[in-house]
Amino acid sequence: MKFLDHLEEWLVTFLMGAATLIIFVAVVHRYAAGLPIPGLQDWLLSLSMSWAQELTIIMFVWMCKFGAAYGVRTGIHVGVDVLINRMNDKMRGKFIIFGLCAGAVFTGIVAALASGFVWDNGAHYAWLKILGLPLDGVPEGPTTPDLEWPTWMVYSAVPLGSSLMCFRFLQVMVSFIKTGELPHHDHGHVDGLEEEMAKPPVDLNPYGMQDNLHPDETPDSEGGTK
């Protein structure tokens, strides 16, 4: 499970960082190509960045699908639980389990429907081609406008992300049945802030600074101050 957790975090982090970098490069390229600098302008205009927008959209779609699964695991999804928290522990537990089951069923249905769509949209053709089997009557499927990637590869984010989200709902439900606790994320928490606040305050004495600008009140050998 630890490997899956880390893979989920690495994937979301990579997609977010890479998409941000691509957008930054595309914007800089667009504005720099408009500068009348001999040589540089011609070189920038020869570089096509028309694919950047499409790629970043694809990356953000994948990031959102797997980020949603990460949210279920860590408890960062926003929920209205005022009424449920007013119930007694037994009734509250039943409603929580029902909600987690409903989430697992819904995401499982989405994953199943999306898998069929991806299969008919070109994945069937791709696998038959990889295995060297006959392709008679099997549609190849469309491609994306700019990158010309098979769309079934792009749409695979839906069944894969929804399947992982369904698994996370079941994982949280099993953990809640065993321990009675749900994953909780403090939205006001900032990593490292508590550690800094926990350190004892440093008493800065301006008169103890050895900079020849402030008097030193440490007693000297004659009982006075320096």
C-alpha atoms as a PDB file:
ATOM      1  CA  MET A   1       0.000   0.000   0.000  1.00  0.00           C
ATOM      2  CA  LYS A   2       2.858   2.373   0.720  1.00  0.00           C
ATOM      3  CA  PHE A   3       4.095   2.027  -2.847  1.00  0.00           C
ATOM      4  CA  LEU A   4       0.641   2.810  -4.212  1.00  0.00           C
ATOM      5  CA  ASP A   5       0.351   5.800  -1.882  1.00  0.00           C
ATOM      6  CA  HIS A   6       3.708   7.184  -2.990  1.00  0.00           C
ATOM      7  CA  LEU A   7       2.968   6.492  -6.660  1.00  0.00           C
ATOM      8  CA  GLU A   8      -0.297   8.395  -6.324  1.00  0.00           C
ATOM      9  CA  GLU A   9       1.444  11.375  -4.722  1.00  0.00           C
ATOM     10  CA  TRP A  10       4.337  11.358  -7.198  1.00  0.00           C
ATOM     11  CA  LEU A  11       1.970  11.236 -10.166  1.00  0.00           C
ATOM     12  CA  VAL A  12      -0.145  14.155  -8.945  1.00  0.00           C
ATOM     13  CA  THR A  13       2.949  16.185  -8.048  1.00  0.00           C
ATOM     14  CA  PHE A  14       4.620  15.508 -11.391  1.00  0.00           C
ATOM     15  CA  LEU A  15       1.523  16.355 -13.431  1.00  0.00           C
ATOM     16  CA  MET A  16       0.929  19.584 -11.526  1.00  0.00           C
ATOM     17  CA  GLY A  17       4.543  20.708 -11.743  1.00  0.00           C
ATOM     18  CA  ALA A  18       5.005  19.733 -15.382  1.00  0.00           C
ATOM     19  CA  ALA A  19       1.756  21.394 -16.473  1.00  0.00           C
ATOM     20  CA  THR A  20       2.727  24.606 -14.675  1.00  0.00           C
ATOM     21  CA  LEU A  21       6.154  24.581 -16.311  1.00  0.00           C
ATOM     22  CA  ILE A  22       4.710  23.983 -19.792  1.00  0.00           C
ATOM     23  CA  ILE A  23       2.240  26.855 -19.382  1.00  0.00           C
ATOM     24  CA  PHE A  24       5.042  29.155 -18.203  1.00  0.00           C
ATOM     25  CA  VAL A  25       7.261  28.257 -21.170  1.00  0.00           C
ATOM     26  CA  ALA A  26       4.360  28.700 -23.610  1.00  0.00           C
ATOM     27  CA  VAL A  27       3.514  32.163 -22.252  1.00  0.00           C
ATOM     28  CA  VAL A  28       7.152  33.282 -22.312  1.00  0.00           C
ATOM     29  CA  HIS A  29       7.482  31.960 -25.879  1.00  0.00           C
ATOM     30  CA  ARG A  30       4.376  33.837 -27.003  1.00  0.00           C
ATOM     31  CA  TYR A  31       5.510  37.189 -25.652  1.00  0.00           C
ATOM     32  CA  ALA A  32       9.190  36.785 -26.512  1.00  0.00           C
ATOM     33  CA  ALA A  33       8.295  35.880 -30.109  1.00  0.00           C
ATOM     34  CA  GLY A  34       6.681  39.298 -30.461  1.00  0.00           C
ATOM     35  CA  LEU A  35       9.870  41.162 -29.620  1.00  0.00           C
ATOM     36  CA  PRO A  36      11.644  42.502 -32.733  1.00  0.00           C
ATOM     37  CA  ILE A  37      15.012  40.966 -31.895  1.00  0.00           C
ATOM     38  CA  PRO A  38      16.908  39.874 -35.019  1.00  0.00           C
ATOM     39  CA  GLY A  39      17.678  36.192 -35.071  1.00  0.00           C
ATOM     40  CA  LEU A  40      15.910  35.407 -31.787  1.00  0.00           C
ATOM     41  CA  GLN A  41      12.472  36.306 -33.108  1.00  0.00           C
ATOM     42  CA  ASP A  42      12.892  34.162 -36.221  1.00  0.00           C
ATOM     43  CA  TRP A  43      14.077  31.240 -34.124  1.00  0.00           C
ATOM     44  CA  LEU A  44      11.166  31.539 -31.672  1.00  0.00           C
ATOM     45  CA  LEU A  45       8.638  31.790 -34.500  1.00  0.00           C
ATOM     46  CA  SER A  46      10.048  28.589 -35.968  1.00  0.00           C
ATOM     47  CA  LEU A  47       9.153  26.768 -32.721  1.00  0.00           C
ATOM     48  CA  SER A  48       5.554  25.633 -32.546  1.00  0.00           C
ATOM     49  CA  MET A  49       3.957  25.632 -29.094  1.00  0.00           C
ATOM     50  CA  SER A  50       0.420  24.954 -30.308  1.00  0.00           C
ATOM     51  CA  TRP A  51       0.470  21.608 -28.526  1.00  0.00           C
ATOM     52  CA  ALA A  52       1.078  23.148 -25.088  1.00  0.00           C
ATOM     53  CA  GLN A  53      -2.542  24.006 -24.314  1.00  0.00           C
ATOM     54  CA  GLU A  54      -3.820  20.575 -25.278  1.00  0.00           C
ATOM     55  CA  LEU A  55      -1.128  18.794 -23.290  1.00  0.00           C
ATOM     56  CA  THR A  56      -1.728  20.844 -20.157  1.00  0.00           C
ATOM     57  CA  ILE A  57      -5.470  20.172 -20.364  1.00  0.00           C
ATOM     58  CA  ILE A  58      -4.772  16.437 -20.587  1.00  0.00           C
ATOM     59  CA  MET A  59      -2.351  16.613 -17.667  1.00  0.00           C
ATOM     60  CA  PHE A  60      -4.801  18.527 -15.493  1.00  0.00           C
ATOM     61  CA  VAL A  61      -7.550  15.984 -16.258  1.00  0.00           C
ATOM     62  CA  TRP A  62      -5.288  13.147 -15.141  1.00  0.00           C
ATOM     63  CA  MET A  63      -4.187  15.154 -12.107  1.00  0.00           C
ATOM     64  CA  CYS A  64      -7.793  15.811 -11.065  1.00  0.00           C
ATOM     65  CA  LYS A  65      -8.840  12.169 -11.374  1.00  0.00           C
ATOM     66  CA  PHE A  66      -5.950  10.827  -9.339  1.00  0.00           C
ATOM     67  CA  GLY A  67      -6.050  13.815  -7.013  1.00  0.00           C
ATOM     68  CA  ALA A  68      -9.656  12.924  -6.197  1.00  0.00           C
ATOM     69  CA  ALA A  69      -8.527   9.448  -5.117  1.00  0.00           C
ATOM     70  CA  TYR A  70      -5.795  11.024  -3.010  1.00  0.00           C
ATOM     71  CA  GLY A  71      -8.439  13.253  -1.435  1.00  0.00           C
ATOM     72  CA  VAL A  72     -10.520  10.253  -0.371  1.00  0.00           C
ATOM     73  CA  ARG A  73      -7.497   8.605   1.230  1.00  0.00           C
ATOM     74  CA  THR A  74      -6.408  11.684   3.159  1.00  0.00           C
ATOM     75  CA  GLY A  75      -9.840  13.100   3.978  1.00  0.00           C
ATOM     76  CA  ILE A  76      -9.402  16.464   2.259  1.00  0.00           C
ATOM     77  CA  HIS A  77     -12.733  16.400   0.418  1.00  0.00           C
ATOM     78  CA  VAL A  78     -15.215  18.902   1.801  1.00  0.00           C
ATOM     79  CA  GLY A  79     -18.353  17.358   3.276  1.00  0.00           C
ATOM     80  CA  VAL A  80     -21.421  18.536   5.194  1.00  0.00           C
ATOM     81  CA  ASP A  81     -21.511  16.442   8.366  1.00  0.00           C
ATOM     82  CA  VAL A  82     -23.269  18.750  10.844  1.00  0.00           C
ATOM     83  CA  LEU A  83     -26.333  16.491  11.127  1.00  0.00           C
ATOM     84  CA  ILE A  84     -24.340  13.253  11.232  1.00  0.00           C
ATOM     85  CA  ASN A  85     -22.069  14.521  14.004  1.00  0.00           C
ATOM     86  CA  ARG A  86     -25.153  15.206  16.180  1.00  0.00           C
ATOM     87  CA  MET A  87     -26.151  11.534  16.086  1.00  0.00           C
ATOM     88  CA  ASN A  88     -25.068   8.945  18.603  1.00  0.00           C
ATOM     89  CA  ASP A  89     -21.979   6.911  17.758  1.00  0.00           C
ATOM     90  CA  LYS A  90     -23.867   3.835  16.555  1.00  0.00           C
ATOM     91  CA  MET A  91     -26.170   5.696  14.186  1.00  0.00           C
ATOM     92  CA  ARG A  92     -23.355   7.961  13.019  1.00  0.00           C
ATOM     93  CA  GLY A  93     -21.235   4.942  12.144  1.00  0.00           C
ATOM     94  CA  LYS A  94     -24.035   3.446  10.035  1.00  0.00           C
ATOM     95  CA  PHE A  95     -24.467   6.638   8.032  1.00  0.00           C
ATOM     96  CA  ILE A  96     -20.719   6.965   7.479  1.00  0.00           C
ATOM     97  CA  ILE A  97     -20.491   3.387   6.224  1.00  0.00           C
ATOM     98  CA  PHE A  98     -23.499   3.981   3.968  1.00  0.00           C
ATOM     99  CA  GLY A  99     -21.874   7.119   2.546  1.00  0.00           C
ATOM    100  CA  LEU A 100     -18.585   5.331   1.877  1.00  0.00           C
ATOM    101  CA  CYS A 101     -20.436   2.434   0.238  1.00  0.00           C
ATOM    102  CA  ALA A 102     -22.372   4.878  -1.930  1.00  0.00           C
ATOM    103  CA  GLY A 103     -19.130   6.538  -3.003  1.00  0.00           C
ATOM    104  CA  ALA A 104     -17.576   3.174  -3.844  1.00  0.00           C
ATOM    105  CA  VAL A 105     -20.640   2.068  -5.851  1.00  0.00           C
ATOM    106  CA  PHE A 106     -20.830   5.353  -7.767  1.00  0.00           C
ATOM    107  CA  THR A 107     -17.134   5.456  -8.670  1.00  0.00           C
ATOM    108  CA  GLY A 108     -17.234   1.748  -9.513  1.00  0.00           C
ATOM    109  CA  ILE A 109     -20.107   2.335 -11.964  1.00  0.00           C
ATOM    110  CA  VAL A 110     -18.267   5.279 -13.520  1.00  0.00           C
ATOM    111  CA  ALA A 111     -15.133   3.145 -13.879  1.00  0.00           C
ATOM    112  CA  ALA A 112     -17.064   0.316 -15.551  1.00  0.00           C
ATOM    113  CA  LEU A 113     -18.880   2.598 -17.995  1.00  0.00           C
ATOM    114  CA  ALA A 114     -15.706   4.521 -18.786  1.00  0.00           C
ATOM    115  CA  SER A 115     -13.800   1.283 -19.386  1.00  0.00           C
ATOM    116  CA  GLY A 116     -16.335   0.249 -22.010  1.00  0.00           C
ATOM    117  CA  PHE A 117     -16.144   3.658 -23.654  1.00  0.00           C
ATOM    118  CA  VAL A 118     -12.328   3.598 -23.761  1.00  0.00           C
ATOM    119  CA  TRP A 119     -12.352   0.038 -25.112  1.00  0.00           C
ATOM    120  CA  ASP A 120     -14.689   0.954 -27.969  1.00  0.00           C
ATOM    121  CA  ASN A 121     -12.892   4.236 -28.629  1.00  0.00           C
ATOM    122  CA  GLY A 122      -9.656   2.648 -29.814  1.00  0.00           C
ATOM    123  CA  ALA A 123      -8.216   0.591 -26.951  1.00  0.00           C
ATOM    124  CA  HIS A 124      -9.598  -2.606 -28.510  1.00  0.00           C
ATOM    125  CA  TYR A 125      -7.831  -1.808 -31.780  1.00  0.00           C
ATOM    126  CA  ALA A 126      -4.578  -0.926 -29.987  1.00  0.00           C
ATOM    127  CA  TRP A 127      -4.443  -4.175 -28.017  1.00  0.00           C
ATOM    128  CA  LEU A 128      -5.262  -6.300 -31.062  1.00  0.00           C
ATOM    129  CA  LYS A 129      -2.498  -4.537 -32.953  1.00  0.00           C
ATOM    130  CA  ILE A 130      -0.004  -5.085 -30.130  1.00  0.00           C
ATOM    131  CA  LEU A 131      -0.870  -8.775 -29.933  1.00  0.00           C
ATOM    132  CA  GLY A 132      -0.736  -9.159 -33.709  1.00  0.00           C
ATOM    133  CA  LEU A 133      -4.362 -10.302 -33.994  1.00  0.00           C
ATOM    134  CA  PRO A 134      -6.739  -9.548 -36.904  1.00  0.00           C
ATOM    135  CA  LEU A 135      -8.151  -6.035 -36.942  1.00  0.00           C
ATOM    136  CA  ASP A 136     -11.132  -6.661 -39.211  1.00  0.00           C
ATOM    137  CA  GLY A 137     -14.067  -4.399 -38.379  1.00  0.00           C
ATOM    138  CA  VAL A 138     -12.422  -2.917 -35.273  1.00  0.00           C
ATOM    139  CA  PRO A 139     -12.331   0.920 -35.378  1.00  0.00           C
ATOM    140  CA  GLU A 140      -8.941   2.522 -34.836  1.00  0.00           C
ATOM    141  CA  GLY A 141     -10.450   5.417 -32.905  1.00  0.00           C
ATOM    142  CA  PRO A 142      -9.885   9.171 -33.215  1.00  0.00           C
ATOM    143  CA  THR A 143      -6.811  11.139 -32.241  1.00  0.00           C
ATOM    144  CA  THR A 144      -6.344  14.477 -30.493  1.00  0.00           C
ATOM    145  CA  PRO A 145      -6.176  17.580 -32.763  1.00  0.00           C
ATOM    146  CA  ASP A 146      -2.698  18.908 -31.893  1.00  0.00           C
ATOM    147  CA  LEU A 147      -0.682  16.068 -30.419  1.00  0.00           C
ATOM    148  CA  GLU A 148      -2.428  13.433 -32.558  1.00  0.00           C
ATOM    149  CA  TRP A 149      -2.463  11.002 -29.652  1.00  0.00           C
ATOM    150  CA  PRO A 150      -5.119   8.259 -29.571  1.00  0.00           C
ATOM    151  CA  THR A 151      -7.993   9.647 -27.550  1.00  0.00           C
ATOM    152  CA  TRP A 152      -8.460   6.357 -25.711  1.00  0.00           C
ATOM    153  CA  MET A 153      -5.127   7.009 -23.969  1.00  0.00           C
ATOM    154  CA  VAL A 154      -6.363  10.403 -22.800  1.00  0.00           C
ATOM    155  CA  TYR A 155      -9.759   9.086 -21.695  1.00  0.00           C
ATOM    156  CA  SER A 156      -8.097   6.263 -19.749  1.00  0.00           C
ATOM    157  CA  ALA A 157      -7.759   8.736 -16.878  1.00  0.00           C
ATOM    158  CA  VAL A 158     -11.466   8.269 -16.141  1.00  0.00           C
ATOM    159  CA  PRO A 159     -11.576   4.472 -15.626  1.00  0.00           C
ATOM    160  CA  LEU A 160      -8.165   4.369 -13.939  1.00  0.00           C
ATOM    161  CA  GLY A 161      -8.811   7.302 -11.636  1.00  0.00           C
ATOM    162  CA  SER A 162     -12.352   6.185 -10.811  1.00  0.00           C
ATOM    163  CA  SER A 163     -11.166   2.636 -10.085  1.00  0.00           C
ATOM    164  CA  LEU A 164      -8.529   3.969  -7.700  1.00  0.00           C
ATOM    165  CA  MET A 165     -11.114   6.237  -6.092  1.00  0.00           C
ATOM    166  CA  CYS A 166     -13.461   3.262  -5.617  1.00  0.00           C
ATOM    167  CA  PHE A 167     -10.619   1.338  -3.986  1.00  0.00           C
ATOM    168  CA  ARG A 168      -9.895   4.257  -1.662  1.00  0.00           C
ATOM    169  CA  PHE A 169     -13.544   4.426  -0.569  1.00  0.00           C
ATOM    170  CA  LEU A 170     -13.446   0.720   0.286  1.00  0.00           C
ATOM    171  CA  GLN A 171     -10.085   1.148   2.026  1.00  0.00           C
ATOM    172  CA  VAL A 172     -11.393   3.990   4.193  1.00  0.00           C
ATOM    173  CA  MET A 173     -14.575   2.026   4.959  1.00  0.00           C
ATOM    174  CA  VAL A 174     -12.626  -1.042   6.123  1.00  0.00           C
ATOM    175  CA  SER A 175     -10.355   1.151   8.238  1.00  0.00           C
ATOM    176  CA  PHE A 176     -13.374   2.894   9.788  1.00  0.00           C
ATOM    177  CA  ILE A 177     -15.028  -0.427  10.655  1.00  0.00           C
ATOM    178  CA  LYS A 178     -11.822  -1.586  12.360  1.00  0.00           C
ATOM    179  CA  THR A 179     -10.801   1.602  14.163  1.00  0.00           C
ATOM    180  CA  GLY A 180     -13.875   3.847  14.128  1.00  0.00           C
ATOM    181  CA  GLU A 181     -11.787   6.703  12.729  1.00  0.00           C
ATOM    182  CA  LEU A 182     -11.863   8.531   9.422  1.00  0.00           C
ATOM    183  CA  PRO A 183      -8.915  10.186   7.688  1.00  0.00           C
ATOM    184  CA  HIS A 184      -8.914  13.830   8.670  1.00  0.00           C
ATOM    185  CA  HIS A 185      -7.057  16.751   7.185  1.00  0.00           C
ATOM    186  CA  ASP A 186      -6.699  20.031   9.002  1.00  0.00           C
ATOM    187  CA  HIS A 187      -7.141  22.702   6.331  1.00  0.00           C
ATOM    188  CA  GLY A 188      -5.505  25.246   8.611  1.00  0.00           C
ATOM    189  CA  HIS A 189      -2.390  23.138   9.027  1.00  0.00           C
ATOM    190  CA  VAL A 190       0.838  24.348   7.458  1.00  0.00           C
ATOM    191  CA  ASP A 191       3.702  21.868   7.365  1.00  0.00           C
ATOM    192  CA  GLY A 192       6.592  23.025   9.481  1.00  0.00           C
ATOM    193  CA  LEU A 193       4.671  25.830  11.199  1.00  0.00           C
ATOM    194  CA  GLU A 194       3.959  23.883  14.395  1.00  0.00           C
ATOM    195  CA  GLU A 195       7.589  22.852  14.638  1.00  0.00           C
ATOM    196  CA  GLU A 196       8.711  26.470  14.438  1.00  0.00           C
ATOM    197  CA  MET A 197       6.132  27.585  17.004  1.00  0.00           C
ATOM    198  CA  ALA A 198       7.105  24.785  19.345  1.00  0.00           C
ATOM    199  CA  LYS A 199      10.647  26.065  19.650  1.00  0.00           C
ATOM    200  CA  PRO A 200      11.307  28.124  22.809  1.00  0.00           C
ATOM    201  CA  PRO A 201      11.386  31.841  22.113  1.00  0.00           C
ATOM    202  CA  VAL A 202      14.809  33.407  21.919  1.00  0.00           C
ATOM    203  CA  ASP A 203      15.328  36.298  24.303  1.00  0.00           C
ATOM    204  CA  LEU A 204      17.142  38.879  22.251  1.00  0.00           C
ATOM    205  CA  ASN A 205      18.852  41.383  24.472  1.00  0.00           C
ATOM    206  CA  PRO A 206      19.847  44.420  22.377  1.00  0.00           C
ATOM    207  CA  TYR A 207      22.271  45.471  25.112  1.00  0.00           C
ATOM    208  CA  GLY A 208      24.131  42.202  24.798  1.00  0.00           C
ATOM    209  CA  MET A 209      25.024  42.598  21.144  1.00  0.00           C
ATOM    210  CA  GLN A 210      28.752  42.757  20.586  1.00  0.00           C
ATOM    211  CA  ASP A 211      28.618  45.327  17.797  1.00  0.00           C
ATOM    212  CA  ASN A 212      30.035  48.423  19.568  1.00  0.00           C
ATOM    213  CA  LEU A 213      26.692  50.150  19.052  1.00  0.00           C
ATOM    214  CA  HIS A 214      24.788  48.946  22.118  1.00  0.00           C
ATOM    215  CA  PRO A 215      25.994  49.150  25.733  1.00  0.00           C
ATOM    216  CA  ASP A 216      26.857  45.842  27.326  1.00  0.00           C
ATOM    217  CA  GLU A 217      25.247  45.539  30.775  1.00  0.00           C
ATOM    218  CA  THR A 218      27.270  42.532  31.844  1.00  0.00           C
ATOM    219  CA  PRO A 219      29.089  43.321  35.138  1.00  0.00           C
ATOM    220  CA  ASP A 220      32.776  43.915  34.940  1.00  0.00           C
ATOM    221  CA  SER A 221      35.402  42.980  37.497  1.00  0.00           C
ATOM    222  CA  GLU A 222      34.826  46.227  39.468  1.00  0.00           C
ATOM    223  CA  GLY A 223      31.071  45.679  39.851  1.00  0.00           C
ATOM    224  CA  GLY A 224      30.027  48.107  37.148  1.00  0.00           C
ATOM    225  CA  THR A 225      28.812  47.530  33.663  1.00  0.00           C
ATOM    226  CA  LYS A 226      30.704  47.600  30.450  1.00  0.00           C
END
